[in-house]
C-alpha atoms as a PDB file:
ATOM      1  CA  MET A   1     113.109 116.030  75.035  1.00  0.00           C
ATOM      2  CA  ILE A   2     111.584 119.520  75.112  1.00  0.00           C
ATOM      3  CA  GLU A   3     108.383 118.076  76.618  1.00  0.00           C
ATOM      4  CA  PHE A   4     110.433 116.601  79.496  1.00  0.00           C
ATOM      5  CA  PHE A   5     111.443 120.112  80.600  1.00  0.00           C
ATOM      6  CA  GLY A   6     107.792 121.230  80.849  1.00  0.00           C
ATOM      7  CA  ASP A   7     107.619 124.921  81.800  1.00  0.00           C
ATOM      8  CA  ILE A   8     111.420 125.265  81.873  1.00  0.00           C
ATOM      9  CA  LYS A   9     112.267 127.086  78.651  1.00  0.00           C
ATOM     10  CA  VAL A  10     114.786 125.220  76.522  1.00  0.00           C
ATOM     11  CA  GLU A  11     115.554 125.720  72.845  1.00  0.00           C
ATOM     12  CA  GLU A  12     116.008 122.685  70.625  1.00  0.00           C
ATOM     13  CA  ASP A  13     119.406 124.057  69.483  1.00  0.00           C
ATOM     14  CA  ASN A  14     120.578 123.874  73.117  1.00  0.00           C
ATOM     15  CA  ILE A  15     119.962 120.129  73.427  1.00  0.00           C
ATOM     16  CA  HIS A  16     122.933 117.946  72.527  1.00  0.00           C
ATOM     17  CA  LEU A  17     122.556 114.155  72.636  1.00  0.00           C
ATOM     18  CA  GLU A  18     125.692 112.047  72.485  1.00  0.00           C
ATOM     19  CA  GLN A  19     125.995 109.427  69.779  1.00  0.00           C
ATOM     20  CA  ARG A  20     128.566 106.719  69.281  1.00  0.00           C
ATOM     21  CA  PHE A  21     128.742 104.707  66.088  1.00  0.00           C
ATOM     22  CA  GLY A  22     125.516 106.387  64.966  1.00  0.00           C
ATOM     23  CA  ARG A  23     123.553 105.307  68.053  1.00  0.00           C
ATOM     24  CA  LYS A  24     122.386 107.412  70.994  1.00  0.00           C
ATOM     25  CA  THR A  25     124.329 106.655  74.184  1.00  0.00           C
ATOM     26  CA  GLY A  26     121.733 107.980  76.632  1.00  0.00           C
ATOM     27  CA  THR A  27     123.943 110.915  77.596  1.00  0.00           C
ATOM     28  CA  GLY A  28     123.105 114.493  76.756  1.00  0.00           C
ATOM     29  CA  LEU A  29     123.883 118.098  77.568  1.00  0.00           C
ATOM     30  CA  VAL A  30     121.279 120.857  77.741  1.00  0.00           C
ATOM     31  CA  PHE A  31     122.069 124.565  78.002  1.00  0.00           C
ATOM     32  CA  LEU A  32     119.544 126.729  79.864  1.00  0.00           C
ATOM     33  CA  GLU A  33     119.192 130.523  79.940  1.00  0.00           C
ATOM     34  CA  SER A  34     120.062 131.112  83.597  1.00  0.00           C
ATOM     35  CA  GLU A  35     121.473 129.555  86.748  1.00  0.00           C
ATOM     36  CA  ASP A  36     117.980 129.773  88.270  1.00  0.00           C
ATOM     37  CA  LEU A  37     116.586 127.585  85.482  1.00  0.00           C
ATOM     38  CA  VAL A  38     119.473 125.147  85.936  1.00  0.00           C
ATOM     39  CA  GLN A  39     118.631 124.788  89.636  1.00  0.00           C
ATOM     40  CA  LYS A  40     114.925 124.460  88.866  1.00  0.00           C
ATOM     41  CA  ALA A  41     115.607 121.724  86.292  1.00  0.00           C
ATOM     42  CA  ARG A  42     117.726 119.781  88.758  1.00  0.00           C
ATOM     43  CA  ASP A  43     115.240 120.194  91.603  1.00  0.00           C
ATOM     44  CA  GLU A  44     112.172 119.247  89.553  1.00  0.00           C
ATOM     45  CA  LEU A  45     113.507 116.757  87.007  1.00  0.00           C
ATOM     46  CA  ASN A  46     116.301 114.801  88.689  1.00  0.00           C
ATOM     47  CA  ARG A  47     115.377 111.114  89.119  1.00  0.00           C
ATOM     48  CA  GLN A  48     112.362 111.413  86.833  1.00  0.00           C
ATOM     49  CA  TYR A  49     111.710 109.231  83.781  1.00  0.00           C
ATOM     50  CA  ILE A  50     111.508 109.786  80.058  1.00  0.00           C
ATOM     51  CA  GLY A  51     109.431 106.793  79.090  1.00  0.00           C
ATOM     52  CA  SER A  52     111.216 103.875  80.741  1.00  0.00           C
ATOM     53  CA  ARG A  53     114.566 105.709  80.945  1.00  0.00           C
ATOM     54  CA  TYR A  54     115.704 107.049  84.319  1.00  0.00           C
ATOM     55  CA  VAL A  55     117.163 110.583  84.177  1.00  0.00           C
ATOM     56  CA  ASP A  56     119.977 111.977  86.322  1.00  0.00           C
ATOM     57  CA  VAL A  57     120.138 115.770  86.071  1.00  0.00           C
ATOM     58  CA  LEU A  58     123.678 116.826  86.854  1.00  0.00           C
ATOM     59  CA  ILE A  59     125.202 120.287  86.753  1.00  0.00           C
ATOM     60  CA  PRO A  60     128.604 120.149  85.056  1.00  0.00           C
ATOM     61  CA  ARG A  61     131.541 122.133  86.298  1.00  0.00           C
ATOM     62  CA  ILE A  62     132.921 124.104  83.391  1.00  0.00           C
ATOM     63  CA  GLU A  63     136.580 125.056  83.596  1.00  0.00           C
ATOM     64  CA  THR A  64     137.789 127.916  81.457  1.00  0.00           C
ATOM     65  CA  GLY A  65     141.499 127.519  82.021  1.00  0.00           C
ATOM     66  CA  ASP A  66     141.724 131.014  83.510  1.00  0.00           C
ATOM     67  CA  GLU A  67     142.288 129.723  87.024  1.00  0.00           C
END
């Protein structure tokens, strides 16, 4: 997974892959260091492939409950 991000710095601890019943679902969440890197990842990596798997890079909306 780290190779997929290329020159976009991502730490292995910030990659979370969803599993159900002990099997990967194909869904994951990656935390990046800045909003600029988030935009760069979406711009460069959205609709690319990891092997034969198509990748959608989406930016989640995080609600804090303060609103």
